N, C-alpha and C. Protein backbone atom coordinates (compact mmCIF):
# COMPACT_ATOMS: atom_id res chain seq x y z
N UNK A 1 -6.60 -24.43 -0.61
CA UNK A 1 -5.37 -25.02 -0.09
C UNK A 1 -4.19 -24.09 -0.43
N UNK A 2 -3.42 -23.75 0.57
CA UNK A 2 -2.26 -22.89 0.35
C UNK A 2 -1.05 -23.74 -0.01
N UNK A 3 -0.28 -23.32 -1.04
CA UNK A 3 0.89 -24.10 -1.44
C UNK A 3 1.95 -24.11 -0.36
N UNK A 4 2.51 -25.27 -0.08
CA UNK A 4 3.52 -25.42 0.95
C UNK A 4 4.93 -25.47 0.37
N UNK A 5 5.08 -26.09 -0.80
CA UNK A 5 6.40 -26.25 -1.41
C UNK A 5 6.64 -25.10 -2.38
N UNK A 6 7.64 -24.28 -2.09
CA UNK A 6 7.94 -23.14 -2.95
C UNK A 6 9.40 -23.18 -3.35
N UNK A 7 9.67 -22.74 -4.57
CA UNK A 7 11.05 -22.75 -5.08
C UNK A 7 11.57 -21.34 -5.29
N UNK A 8 10.71 -20.33 -5.10
CA UNK A 8 11.15 -18.95 -5.20
C UNK A 8 10.27 -18.10 -4.31
N UNK A 9 10.56 -16.82 -4.23
CA UNK A 9 9.79 -15.92 -3.39
C UNK A 9 8.31 -15.99 -3.77
N UNK A 10 7.48 -16.07 -2.75
CA UNK A 10 6.03 -16.12 -2.96
C UNK A 10 5.38 -15.00 -2.17
N UNK A 11 4.48 -14.27 -2.84
CA UNK A 11 3.67 -13.28 -2.16
C UNK A 11 2.25 -13.81 -2.05
N UNK A 12 1.68 -13.70 -0.87
CA UNK A 12 0.27 -13.97 -0.65
C UNK A 12 -0.41 -12.61 -0.51
N UNK A 13 -1.39 -12.36 -1.36
CA UNK A 13 -2.01 -11.04 -1.31
C UNK A 13 -3.35 -10.99 -2.02
N UNK A 14 -4.06 -9.90 -1.78
CA UNK A 14 -5.36 -9.65 -2.38
C UNK A 14 -5.22 -8.43 -3.29
N UNK A 15 -5.53 -8.58 -4.56
CA UNK A 15 -5.35 -7.49 -5.53
C UNK A 15 -6.29 -6.32 -5.27
N UNK A 16 -7.29 -6.49 -4.41
CA UNK A 16 -8.15 -5.37 -4.03
C UNK A 16 -7.55 -4.56 -2.89
N UNK A 17 -6.43 -5.04 -2.35
CA UNK A 17 -5.81 -4.39 -1.20
C UNK A 17 -4.65 -3.50 -1.64
N UNK A 18 -4.70 -2.23 -1.26
CA UNK A 18 -3.59 -1.33 -1.55
C UNK A 18 -2.32 -1.79 -0.87
N UNK A 19 -2.43 -2.31 0.35
CA UNK A 19 -1.25 -2.80 1.06
C UNK A 19 -0.56 -3.92 0.28
N UNK A 20 -1.34 -4.77 -0.33
CA UNK A 20 -0.76 -5.87 -1.11
C UNK A 20 -0.18 -5.37 -2.42
N UNK A 21 -0.89 -4.46 -3.08
CA UNK A 21 -0.44 -4.00 -4.39
C UNK A 21 0.84 -3.18 -4.32
N UNK A 22 1.05 -2.43 -3.24
CA UNK A 22 2.28 -1.64 -3.18
C UNK A 22 3.50 -2.54 -3.09
N UNK A 23 3.37 -3.70 -2.45
CA UNK A 23 4.46 -4.68 -2.43
C UNK A 23 4.71 -5.21 -3.84
N UNK A 24 3.64 -5.49 -4.54
CA UNK A 24 3.75 -6.01 -5.90
C UNK A 24 4.38 -4.98 -6.84
N UNK A 25 3.99 -3.71 -6.69
CA UNK A 25 4.56 -2.66 -7.54
C UNK A 25 6.07 -2.55 -7.33
N UNK A 26 6.51 -2.58 -6.09
CA UNK A 26 7.95 -2.47 -5.81
C UNK A 26 8.68 -3.68 -6.37
N UNK A 27 8.13 -4.87 -6.17
CA UNK A 27 8.77 -6.07 -6.72
C UNK A 27 8.88 -5.99 -8.23
N UNK A 28 7.84 -5.50 -8.89
CA UNK A 28 7.86 -5.38 -10.35
C UNK A 28 8.87 -4.34 -10.80
N UNK A 29 8.93 -3.22 -10.09
CA UNK A 29 9.90 -2.17 -10.45
C UNK A 29 11.33 -2.67 -10.36
N UNK A 30 11.59 -3.54 -9.38
CA UNK A 30 12.95 -4.03 -9.14
C UNK A 30 13.25 -5.32 -9.91
N UNK A 31 12.29 -5.82 -10.63
CA UNK A 31 12.51 -7.04 -11.41
C UNK A 31 12.64 -8.28 -10.56
N UNK A 32 11.97 -8.31 -9.42
CA UNK A 32 12.02 -9.47 -8.53
C UNK A 32 11.20 -10.61 -9.13
N UNK A 33 11.76 -11.80 -9.10
CA UNK A 33 11.06 -12.98 -9.59
C UNK A 33 10.23 -13.57 -8.44
N UNK A 34 8.93 -13.69 -8.65
CA UNK A 34 8.08 -14.16 -7.55
C UNK A 34 6.84 -14.87 -8.09
N UNK A 35 6.23 -15.65 -7.23
CA UNK A 35 4.90 -16.21 -7.48
C UNK A 35 3.90 -15.42 -6.65
N UNK A 36 2.72 -15.22 -7.21
CA UNK A 36 1.65 -14.50 -6.50
C UNK A 36 0.52 -15.46 -6.21
N UNK A 37 0.15 -15.58 -4.94
CA UNK A 37 -0.98 -16.40 -4.54
C UNK A 37 -2.10 -15.47 -4.11
N UNK A 38 -3.17 -15.44 -4.89
CA UNK A 38 -4.29 -14.53 -4.61
C UNK A 38 -5.10 -15.04 -3.42
N UNK A 39 -5.28 -14.15 -2.46
CA UNK A 39 -6.04 -14.46 -1.25
C UNK A 39 -7.17 -13.45 -1.11
N UNK A 40 -8.40 -13.91 -1.16
CA UNK A 40 -9.55 -13.03 -0.95
C UNK A 40 -9.74 -12.84 0.55
N UNK A 41 -9.49 -11.62 1.02
CA UNK A 41 -9.54 -11.39 2.47
C UNK A 41 -10.95 -11.49 3.02
N UNK A 42 -11.96 -11.44 2.15
CA UNK A 42 -13.34 -11.55 2.63
C UNK A 42 -13.80 -13.01 2.72
N UNK A 43 -12.96 -13.93 2.27
CA UNK A 43 -13.36 -15.34 2.21
C UNK A 43 -13.06 -16.11 3.49
N UNK A 44 -12.27 -15.50 4.37
CA UNK A 44 -11.89 -16.21 5.59
C UNK A 44 -10.61 -17.01 5.47
N UNK A 45 -9.99 -16.99 4.29
CA UNK A 45 -8.79 -17.78 4.05
C UNK A 45 -7.66 -17.42 5.01
N UNK A 46 -7.54 -16.14 5.34
CA UNK A 46 -6.44 -15.71 6.21
C UNK A 46 -6.63 -16.16 7.65
N UNK A 47 -7.80 -16.72 7.94
CA UNK A 47 -8.07 -17.21 9.30
C UNK A 47 -8.03 -18.73 9.38
N UNK A 48 -7.65 -19.37 8.29
CA UNK A 48 -7.56 -20.82 8.30
C UNK A 48 -6.29 -21.27 9.00
N UNK A 49 -6.28 -22.50 9.43
CA UNK A 49 -5.09 -23.06 10.10
C UNK A 49 -3.88 -23.03 9.19
N UNK A 50 -4.10 -23.31 7.89
CA UNK A 50 -2.98 -23.33 6.94
C UNK A 50 -2.33 -21.96 6.82
N UNK A 51 -3.16 -20.90 6.74
CA UNK A 51 -2.56 -19.57 6.59
C UNK A 51 -1.98 -19.07 7.90
N UNK A 52 -2.65 -19.32 9.01
CA UNK A 52 -2.14 -18.87 10.30
C UNK A 52 -0.81 -19.53 10.64
N UNK A 53 -0.53 -20.69 10.05
CA UNK A 53 0.77 -21.33 10.25
C UNK A 53 1.87 -20.52 9.57
N UNK A 54 1.49 -19.79 8.51
CA UNK A 54 2.46 -18.93 7.81
C UNK A 54 2.55 -17.56 8.46
N UNK A 55 1.42 -17.02 8.88
CA UNK A 55 1.39 -15.69 9.51
C UNK A 55 0.35 -15.71 10.62
N UNK A 56 0.78 -15.83 11.86
CA UNK A 56 -0.15 -15.90 12.99
C UNK A 56 -1.06 -14.68 13.10
N UNK A 57 -0.66 -13.55 12.49
CA UNK A 57 -1.50 -12.35 12.52
C UNK A 57 -2.69 -12.47 11.59
N UNK A 58 -2.65 -13.44 10.67
CA UNK A 58 -3.77 -13.64 9.76
C UNK A 58 -4.01 -12.49 8.82
N UNK A 59 -2.91 -11.93 8.27
CA UNK A 59 -3.03 -10.76 7.39
C UNK A 59 -2.21 -10.96 6.12
N UNK A 60 -2.63 -10.28 5.07
CA UNK A 60 -1.84 -10.15 3.86
C UNK A 60 -1.53 -8.67 3.68
N UNK A 61 -0.41 -8.36 2.98
CA UNK A 61 0.46 -9.25 2.26
C UNK A 61 1.40 -10.03 3.19
N UNK A 62 1.87 -11.14 2.64
CA UNK A 62 2.87 -11.95 3.31
C UNK A 62 3.88 -12.39 2.26
N UNK A 63 5.16 -12.23 2.57
CA UNK A 63 6.22 -12.71 1.68
C UNK A 63 6.84 -13.95 2.30
N UNK A 64 7.08 -14.96 1.47
CA UNK A 64 7.69 -16.19 1.96
C UNK A 64 8.80 -16.61 1.02
N UNK A 65 9.97 -16.88 1.60
CA UNK A 65 11.14 -17.26 0.81
C UNK A 65 11.32 -18.77 0.80
N UNK A 66 12.07 -19.30 -0.19
CA UNK A 66 12.25 -20.75 -0.29
C UNK A 66 12.86 -21.39 0.95
N UNK A 67 13.64 -20.62 1.71
CA UNK A 67 14.26 -21.18 2.91
C UNK A 67 13.32 -21.21 4.11
N UNK A 68 12.05 -20.81 3.89
CA UNK A 68 11.07 -20.88 4.96
C UNK A 68 10.84 -19.58 5.70
N UNK A 69 11.67 -18.57 5.45
CA UNK A 69 11.46 -17.28 6.12
C UNK A 69 10.18 -16.62 5.60
N UNK A 70 9.46 -15.99 6.52
CA UNK A 70 8.26 -15.25 6.14
C UNK A 70 8.35 -13.84 6.72
N UNK A 71 7.80 -12.88 5.99
CA UNK A 71 7.80 -11.50 6.44
C UNK A 71 6.44 -10.89 6.16
N UNK A 72 5.84 -10.32 7.20
CA UNK A 72 4.54 -9.66 7.06
C UNK A 72 4.73 -8.15 7.12
N UNK A 73 3.64 -7.43 6.93
CA UNK A 73 3.58 -5.98 6.95
C UNK A 73 4.16 -5.38 5.66
N UNK A 74 3.29 -4.72 4.93
CA UNK A 74 3.64 -4.24 3.59
C UNK A 74 4.87 -3.33 3.57
N UNK A 75 4.95 -2.39 4.49
CA UNK A 75 6.07 -1.45 4.46
C UNK A 75 7.38 -2.14 4.82
N UNK A 76 7.33 -3.11 5.72
CA UNK A 76 8.54 -3.87 6.05
C UNK A 76 9.00 -4.68 4.85
N UNK A 77 8.06 -5.27 4.12
CA UNK A 77 8.42 -6.05 2.93
C UNK A 77 9.05 -5.15 1.87
N UNK A 78 8.46 -3.98 1.63
CA UNK A 78 9.01 -3.06 0.64
C UNK A 78 10.43 -2.64 1.01
N UNK A 79 10.65 -2.31 2.27
CA UNK A 79 11.98 -1.90 2.71
C UNK A 79 12.99 -3.03 2.52
N UNK A 80 12.59 -4.24 2.87
CA UNK A 80 13.51 -5.38 2.71
C UNK A 80 13.85 -5.61 1.24
N UNK A 81 12.85 -5.54 0.37
CA UNK A 81 13.11 -5.72 -1.05
C UNK A 81 14.10 -4.67 -1.56
N UNK A 82 13.92 -3.42 -1.14
CA UNK A 82 14.81 -2.36 -1.59
C UNK A 82 16.21 -2.52 -1.03
N UNK A 83 16.32 -3.02 0.20
CA UNK A 83 17.63 -3.19 0.83
C UNK A 83 18.41 -4.37 0.27
N UNK A 84 17.72 -5.31 -0.36
CA UNK A 84 18.39 -6.55 -0.78
C UNK A 84 18.36 -6.79 -2.29
N UNK A 85 17.79 -5.87 -3.04
CA UNK A 85 17.66 -6.06 -4.49
C UNK A 85 18.39 -4.96 -5.23
N UNK A 86 19.22 -5.30 -6.22
CA UNK A 86 19.89 -4.26 -7.02
C UNK A 86 18.86 -3.29 -7.61
N UNK A 87 19.14 -2.01 -7.48
CA UNK A 87 18.23 -0.99 -7.97
C UNK A 87 17.30 -0.47 -6.90
N UNK A 88 17.21 -1.17 -5.78
CA UNK A 88 16.31 -0.76 -4.73
C UNK A 88 16.66 0.58 -4.11
N UNK A 89 17.94 0.95 -4.26
CA UNK A 89 18.38 2.21 -3.66
C UNK A 89 17.70 3.42 -4.27
N UNK A 90 17.15 3.27 -5.48
CA UNK A 90 16.51 4.44 -6.10
C UNK A 90 15.18 4.79 -5.44
N UNK A 91 14.65 3.89 -4.63
CA UNK A 91 13.39 4.16 -3.94
C UNK A 91 13.60 4.54 -2.48
N UNK A 92 14.86 4.54 -2.05
CA UNK A 92 15.17 4.85 -0.65
C UNK A 92 16.26 5.91 -0.63
N UNK A 93 16.02 7.08 -0.04
CA UNK A 93 17.04 8.14 -0.03
C UNK A 93 18.34 7.68 0.63
N UNK A 94 19.45 8.08 0.05
CA UNK A 94 20.76 7.72 0.61
C UNK A 94 21.06 8.55 1.86
N UNK A 95 20.61 9.78 1.87
CA UNK A 95 20.84 10.64 3.02
C UNK A 95 20.06 10.13 4.23
N UNK A 96 20.72 9.94 5.38
CA UNK A 96 20.04 9.37 6.56
C UNK A 96 18.81 10.17 7.00
N UNK A 97 18.90 11.50 6.93
CA UNK A 97 17.75 12.30 7.36
C UNK A 97 16.59 12.14 6.39
N UNK A 98 16.89 12.13 5.09
CA UNK A 98 15.83 11.93 4.09
C UNK A 98 15.20 10.54 4.27
N UNK A 99 16.04 9.54 4.55
CA UNK A 99 15.50 8.19 4.77
C UNK A 99 14.59 8.19 6.00
N UNK A 100 14.99 8.91 7.05
CA UNK A 100 14.15 9.00 8.24
C UNK A 100 12.83 9.70 7.92
N UNK A 101 12.89 10.73 7.08
CA UNK A 101 11.65 11.40 6.67
C UNK A 101 10.73 10.42 5.92
N UNK A 102 11.32 9.64 5.03
CA UNK A 102 10.55 8.63 4.31
C UNK A 102 9.90 7.65 5.28
N UNK A 103 10.70 7.18 6.24
CA UNK A 103 10.19 6.22 7.21
C UNK A 103 9.07 6.82 8.04
N UNK A 104 9.19 8.10 8.38
CA UNK A 104 8.13 8.74 9.17
C UNK A 104 6.81 8.74 8.40
N UNK A 105 6.87 8.94 7.08
CA UNK A 105 5.65 8.86 6.26
C UNK A 105 5.09 7.44 6.26
N UNK A 106 5.97 6.43 6.27
CA UNK A 106 5.50 5.04 6.29
C UNK A 106 4.74 4.74 7.58
N UNK A 107 5.27 5.24 8.71
CA UNK A 107 4.55 5.06 9.97
C UNK A 107 3.23 5.82 9.95
N UNK A 108 3.26 7.05 9.46
CA UNK A 108 2.07 7.89 9.42
C UNK A 108 0.99 7.26 8.54
N UNK A 109 1.43 6.68 7.43
CA UNK A 109 0.48 6.06 6.49
C UNK A 109 -0.33 4.97 7.18
N UNK A 110 0.34 4.14 7.97
CA UNK A 110 -0.35 3.04 8.62
C UNK A 110 -1.19 3.49 9.82
N UNK A 111 -0.79 4.57 10.46
CA UNK A 111 -1.47 5.01 11.68
C UNK A 111 -2.59 6.02 11.41
N UNK A 112 -2.35 6.96 10.51
CA UNK A 112 -3.29 8.07 10.33
C UNK A 112 -4.03 8.08 9.00
N UNK A 113 -3.49 7.41 7.99
CA UNK A 113 -4.07 7.44 6.65
C UNK A 113 -4.85 6.17 6.36
N UNK A 114 -4.18 5.04 6.41
CA UNK A 114 -4.78 3.76 6.07
C UNK A 114 -5.97 3.44 6.97
N UNK A 115 -5.87 3.83 8.23
CA UNK A 115 -6.92 3.52 9.20
C UNK A 115 -8.22 4.28 8.95
N UNK A 116 -8.19 5.28 8.11
CA UNK A 116 -9.41 6.01 7.76
C UNK A 116 -9.79 5.78 6.31
N UNK A 117 -8.89 6.09 5.40
CA UNK A 117 -9.21 6.04 3.97
C UNK A 117 -9.39 4.60 3.49
N UNK A 118 -8.46 3.73 3.85
CA UNK A 118 -8.58 2.33 3.42
C UNK A 118 -9.76 1.65 4.08
N UNK A 119 -9.96 1.93 5.37
CA UNK A 119 -11.05 1.29 6.10
C UNK A 119 -12.40 1.72 5.54
N UNK A 120 -12.56 3.01 5.27
CA UNK A 120 -13.84 3.49 4.74
C UNK A 120 -14.08 2.96 3.33
N UNK A 121 -13.03 2.91 2.53
CA UNK A 121 -13.17 2.36 1.18
C UNK A 121 -13.56 0.88 1.25
N UNK A 122 -12.96 0.11 2.17
CA UNK A 122 -13.29 -1.30 2.31
C UNK A 122 -14.75 -1.47 2.73
N UNK A 123 -15.18 -0.68 3.70
CA UNK A 123 -16.55 -0.78 4.17
C UNK A 123 -17.54 -0.42 3.07
N UNK A 124 -17.24 0.64 2.33
CA UNK A 124 -18.19 1.18 1.34
C UNK A 124 -18.15 0.42 0.02
N UNK A 125 -16.95 0.18 -0.51
CA UNK A 125 -16.82 -0.38 -1.86
C UNK A 125 -16.70 -1.90 -1.89
N UNK A 126 -16.12 -2.49 -0.87
CA UNK A 126 -15.94 -3.94 -0.86
C UNK A 126 -17.09 -4.64 -0.14
N UNK A 127 -17.46 -4.12 1.02
CA UNK A 127 -18.55 -4.73 1.79
C UNK A 127 -19.91 -4.13 1.45
N UNK A 128 -19.92 -3.06 0.63
CA UNK A 128 -21.17 -2.43 0.16
C UNK A 128 -22.07 -1.94 1.30
N UNK A 129 -21.45 -1.39 2.31
CA UNK A 129 -22.23 -0.83 3.40
C UNK A 129 -22.70 0.58 3.04
N UNK A 130 -23.83 0.97 3.57
CA UNK A 130 -24.33 2.32 3.35
C UNK A 130 -23.57 3.27 4.27
N UNK A 131 -23.64 4.56 3.96
CA UNK A 131 -22.95 5.55 4.79
C UNK A 131 -23.44 5.50 6.23
N UNK A 132 -24.70 5.19 6.43
CA UNK A 132 -25.26 5.14 7.78
C UNK A 132 -24.68 3.98 8.60
N UNK A 133 -24.16 2.97 7.90
CA UNK A 133 -23.60 1.80 8.59
C UNK A 133 -22.11 1.95 8.89
N UNK A 134 -21.50 3.00 8.38
CA UNK A 134 -20.05 3.19 8.51
C UNK A 134 -19.75 4.18 9.62
N UNK A 135 -18.70 3.92 10.37
CA UNK A 135 -18.26 4.80 11.46
C UNK A 135 -18.19 6.25 10.94
N UNK A 136 -18.96 7.16 11.50
CA UNK A 136 -19.00 8.54 10.99
C UNK A 136 -17.70 9.31 11.21
N UNK A 137 -16.82 8.81 12.06
CA UNK A 137 -15.55 9.53 12.29
C UNK A 137 -14.54 9.30 11.18
N UNK A 138 -14.77 8.28 10.35
CA UNK A 138 -13.78 7.94 9.32
C UNK A 138 -13.66 9.01 8.24
N UNK A 139 -14.78 9.62 7.86
CA UNK A 139 -14.74 10.62 6.79
C UNK A 139 -13.93 11.85 7.20
N UNK A 140 -14.20 12.48 8.33
CA UNK A 140 -13.38 13.63 8.71
C UNK A 140 -11.92 13.26 8.99
N UNK A 141 -11.70 12.09 9.54
CA UNK A 141 -10.32 11.66 9.80
C UNK A 141 -9.56 11.50 8.49
N UNK A 142 -10.20 10.90 7.49
CA UNK A 142 -9.56 10.74 6.19
C UNK A 142 -9.31 12.06 5.51
N UNK A 143 -10.25 12.98 5.62
CA UNK A 143 -10.07 14.29 5.01
C UNK A 143 -8.92 15.05 5.67
N UNK A 144 -8.75 14.88 6.98
CA UNK A 144 -7.61 15.50 7.65
C UNK A 144 -6.30 14.93 7.14
N UNK A 145 -6.27 13.63 6.91
CA UNK A 145 -5.06 13.00 6.39
C UNK A 145 -4.74 13.53 4.99
N UNK A 146 -5.74 13.65 4.16
CA UNK A 146 -5.53 14.19 2.82
C UNK A 146 -5.08 15.65 2.89
N UNK A 147 -5.57 16.36 3.89
CA UNK A 147 -5.15 17.75 4.07
C UNK A 147 -3.68 17.86 4.43
N UNK A 148 -3.19 16.93 5.24
CA UNK A 148 -1.76 16.91 5.58
C UNK A 148 -0.93 16.71 4.32
N UNK A 149 -1.35 15.77 3.49
CA UNK A 149 -0.64 15.52 2.24
C UNK A 149 -0.71 16.72 1.31
N UNK A 150 -1.87 17.36 1.27
CA UNK A 150 -2.04 18.53 0.41
C UNK A 150 -1.05 19.63 0.78
N UNK A 151 -0.85 19.86 2.07
CA UNK A 151 0.09 20.88 2.52
C UNK A 151 1.50 20.56 2.04
N UNK A 152 1.90 19.29 2.17
CA UNK A 152 3.23 18.90 1.73
C UNK A 152 3.39 19.00 0.22
N UNK A 153 2.40 18.50 -0.50
CA UNK A 153 2.51 18.39 -1.96
C UNK A 153 2.22 19.69 -2.69
N UNK A 154 1.76 20.69 -1.97
CA UNK A 154 1.62 22.02 -2.56
C UNK A 154 2.99 22.60 -2.90
N UNK A 155 4.00 22.17 -2.16
CA UNK A 155 5.34 22.74 -2.33
C UNK A 155 6.36 21.74 -2.88
N UNK A 156 5.95 20.51 -3.13
CA UNK A 156 6.89 19.52 -3.67
C UNK A 156 6.14 18.52 -4.53
N UNK A 157 6.84 17.95 -5.50
CA UNK A 157 6.22 16.98 -6.39
C UNK A 157 6.08 15.60 -5.73
N UNK A 158 6.96 15.33 -4.77
CA UNK A 158 6.94 14.05 -4.07
C UNK A 158 6.98 14.31 -2.57
N UNK A 159 6.71 13.30 -1.79
CA UNK A 159 6.62 13.49 -0.35
C UNK A 159 7.98 13.74 0.31
N UNK A 160 9.04 13.16 -0.27
CA UNK A 160 10.39 13.34 0.27
C UNK A 160 11.33 13.69 -0.87
N UNK A 161 11.93 14.85 -0.81
CA UNK A 161 12.86 15.22 -1.86
C UNK A 161 12.17 15.45 -3.19
N UNK A 162 12.92 15.23 -4.26
CA UNK A 162 12.40 15.52 -5.60
C UNK A 162 12.28 14.27 -6.47
N UNK A 163 12.16 13.11 -5.82
CA UNK A 163 12.05 11.87 -6.58
C UNK A 163 11.15 10.88 -5.84
N UNK A 164 10.65 9.92 -6.58
CA UNK A 164 9.80 8.87 -6.03
C UNK A 164 10.54 8.08 -4.95
N UNK A 165 9.88 7.87 -3.80
CA UNK A 165 10.42 7.01 -2.75
C UNK A 165 9.31 6.07 -2.28
N UNK A 166 9.68 5.19 -1.36
CA UNK A 166 8.68 4.28 -0.81
C UNK A 166 7.55 5.01 -0.10
N UNK A 167 7.81 6.23 0.35
CA UNK A 167 6.73 7.02 0.97
C UNK A 167 5.60 7.25 -0.03
N UNK A 168 5.96 7.59 -1.25
CA UNK A 168 4.95 7.82 -2.29
C UNK A 168 4.23 6.52 -2.66
N UNK A 169 4.99 5.43 -2.77
CA UNK A 169 4.39 4.15 -3.12
C UNK A 169 3.39 3.74 -2.05
N UNK A 170 3.79 3.87 -0.79
CA UNK A 170 2.91 3.46 0.30
C UNK A 170 1.63 4.28 0.33
N UNK A 171 1.75 5.57 0.16
CA UNK A 171 0.59 6.44 0.32
C UNK A 171 -0.30 6.51 -0.91
N UNK A 172 0.25 6.24 -2.07
CA UNK A 172 -0.61 6.28 -3.26
C UNK A 172 -1.53 5.06 -3.32
N UNK A 173 -1.15 3.99 -2.64
CA UNK A 173 -1.88 2.72 -2.76
C UNK A 173 -3.36 2.86 -2.43
N UNK A 174 -3.68 3.59 -1.38
CA UNK A 174 -5.08 3.80 -1.04
C UNK A 174 -5.59 5.18 -1.43
N UNK A 175 -4.69 6.16 -1.55
CA UNK A 175 -5.15 7.49 -1.96
C UNK A 175 -5.78 7.42 -3.35
N UNK A 176 -5.22 6.61 -4.24
CA UNK A 176 -5.75 6.53 -5.60
C UNK A 176 -7.17 5.96 -5.63
N UNK A 177 -7.55 5.25 -4.59
CA UNK A 177 -8.90 4.69 -4.50
C UNK A 177 -9.76 5.43 -3.50
N UNK A 178 -9.31 6.62 -3.06
CA UNK A 178 -10.04 7.35 -2.03
C UNK A 178 -11.48 7.65 -2.43
N UNK A 179 -11.70 7.87 -3.73
CA UNK A 179 -13.06 8.18 -4.19
C UNK A 179 -14.03 7.04 -3.89
N UNK A 180 -13.52 5.80 -3.85
CA UNK A 180 -14.40 4.67 -3.54
C UNK A 180 -14.81 4.66 -2.08
N UNK A 181 -14.09 5.44 -1.27
CA UNK A 181 -14.46 5.57 0.13
C UNK A 181 -15.28 6.80 0.41
N UNK A 182 -15.62 7.55 -0.66
CA UNK A 182 -16.43 8.74 -0.48
C UNK A 182 -15.64 10.02 -0.32
N UNK A 183 -14.34 9.97 -0.61
CA UNK A 183 -13.49 11.17 -0.51
C UNK A 183 -13.34 11.79 -1.90
N UNK A 184 -13.43 13.10 -1.97
CA UNK A 184 -13.35 13.82 -3.24
C UNK A 184 -11.95 14.43 -3.39
N UNK A 185 -11.13 13.83 -4.24
CA UNK A 185 -9.77 14.37 -4.43
C UNK A 185 -9.79 15.70 -5.15
N UNK A 186 -10.92 16.08 -5.72
CA UNK A 186 -11.03 17.40 -6.32
C UNK A 186 -10.85 18.50 -5.29
N UNK A 187 -11.06 18.18 -4.03
CA UNK A 187 -10.86 19.15 -2.95
C UNK A 187 -9.38 19.27 -2.58
N UNK A 188 -8.56 18.36 -3.11
CA UNK A 188 -7.14 18.32 -2.79
C UNK A 188 -6.34 18.24 -4.09
N UNK A 189 -6.28 19.36 -4.83
CA UNK A 189 -5.69 19.32 -6.18
C UNK A 189 -4.23 18.90 -6.23
N UNK A 190 -3.44 19.27 -5.23
CA UNK A 190 -2.03 18.86 -5.23
C UNK A 190 -1.91 17.36 -5.04
N UNK A 191 -2.77 16.81 -4.20
CA UNK A 191 -2.78 15.36 -4.00
C UNK A 191 -3.23 14.66 -5.28
N UNK A 192 -4.23 15.20 -5.92
CA UNK A 192 -4.75 14.60 -7.15
C UNK A 192 -3.67 14.56 -8.24
N UNK A 193 -2.92 15.65 -8.38
CA UNK A 193 -1.82 15.68 -9.36
C UNK A 193 -0.74 14.68 -8.99
N UNK A 194 -0.44 14.60 -7.71
CA UNK A 194 0.59 13.67 -7.23
C UNK A 194 0.18 12.22 -7.50
N UNK A 195 -1.07 11.89 -7.29
CA UNK A 195 -1.55 10.53 -7.56
C UNK A 195 -1.25 10.14 -9.01
N UNK A 196 -1.59 11.02 -9.93
CA UNK A 196 -1.36 10.72 -11.34
C UNK A 196 0.15 10.62 -11.65
N UNK A 197 0.94 11.46 -10.99
CA UNK A 197 2.39 11.44 -11.19
C UNK A 197 2.99 10.11 -10.72
N UNK A 198 2.57 9.67 -9.55
CA UNK A 198 3.12 8.43 -8.99
C UNK A 198 2.61 7.22 -9.76
N UNK A 199 1.35 7.24 -10.15
CA UNK A 199 0.83 6.14 -10.97
C UNK A 199 1.63 6.03 -12.26
N UNK A 200 1.96 7.16 -12.87
CA UNK A 200 2.77 7.15 -14.09
C UNK A 200 4.14 6.56 -13.81
N UNK A 201 4.77 6.98 -12.73
CA UNK A 201 6.09 6.46 -12.37
C UNK A 201 6.06 4.94 -12.17
N UNK A 202 4.97 4.46 -11.60
CA UNK A 202 4.84 3.02 -11.32
C UNK A 202 4.36 2.23 -12.52
N UNK A 203 3.91 2.93 -13.56
CA UNK A 203 3.36 2.24 -14.71
C UNK A 203 1.99 1.65 -14.43
N UNK A 204 1.24 2.33 -13.56
CA UNK A 204 -0.08 1.84 -13.14
C UNK A 204 -1.15 2.70 -13.82
N UNK A 205 -2.19 2.06 -14.32
CA UNK A 205 -3.30 2.77 -14.94
C UNK A 205 -4.02 3.59 -13.87
N UNK A 206 -4.36 4.84 -14.20
CA UNK A 206 -5.04 5.70 -13.25
C UNK A 206 -6.30 5.03 -12.72
N UNK A 207 -6.50 5.10 -11.41
CA UNK A 207 -7.58 4.36 -10.77
C UNK A 207 -8.93 4.62 -11.40
N UNK A 208 -9.21 5.86 -11.76
CA UNK A 208 -10.53 6.18 -12.32
C UNK A 208 -10.70 5.67 -13.75
N UNK A 209 -9.61 5.23 -14.36
CA UNK A 209 -9.67 4.72 -15.73
C UNK A 209 -9.72 3.19 -15.76
N UNK A 210 -9.59 2.57 -14.57
CA UNK A 210 -9.63 1.11 -14.51
C UNK A 210 -11.07 0.65 -14.73
N UNK A 211 -11.23 -0.27 -15.64
CA UNK A 211 -12.60 -0.75 -15.94
C UNK A 211 -13.18 -1.47 -14.72
């Protein structure tokens, strides 16, 4: 049963989902007061009538405010939190062009990165499918995405400018778990260093050290 009566911001999310966790990391960094409702995406909960009444797309993460407003899509939620919470400006470049660069990474993450790396990790590590059962195009597509990041991070510590932005938060969410999808970050040393750097900035335990 999903809670209907809320008195503060509520996030509905699955802790196994990078998309959900990046919203949680930003909220924690900004000191946002919220309730977390854990939703197992493999259980069918997001397809129930109760959840679809909150988000017709049937996806998490979902943010819901006490006044009844709901907002879906992880990157949209992160941007809104930064735009409306004191301190949020430190994760969003003030310069319009830099902000546009950050936004371009957010679009790229959902279109070219998440669709390969997150999907393959979900199939392999969450659903326990064998490599033969997984779309064979996902591995080369994910490696190409990591290669794009490697080129950028060879010359910079962060994806935009010289400080952590939402671009880094968005992209680290699944990159840190890429090994669970069969991707070897040892082939992408700049990306591997960046993952550890961003995890440190977020106060997150390195993925390979999580029990």
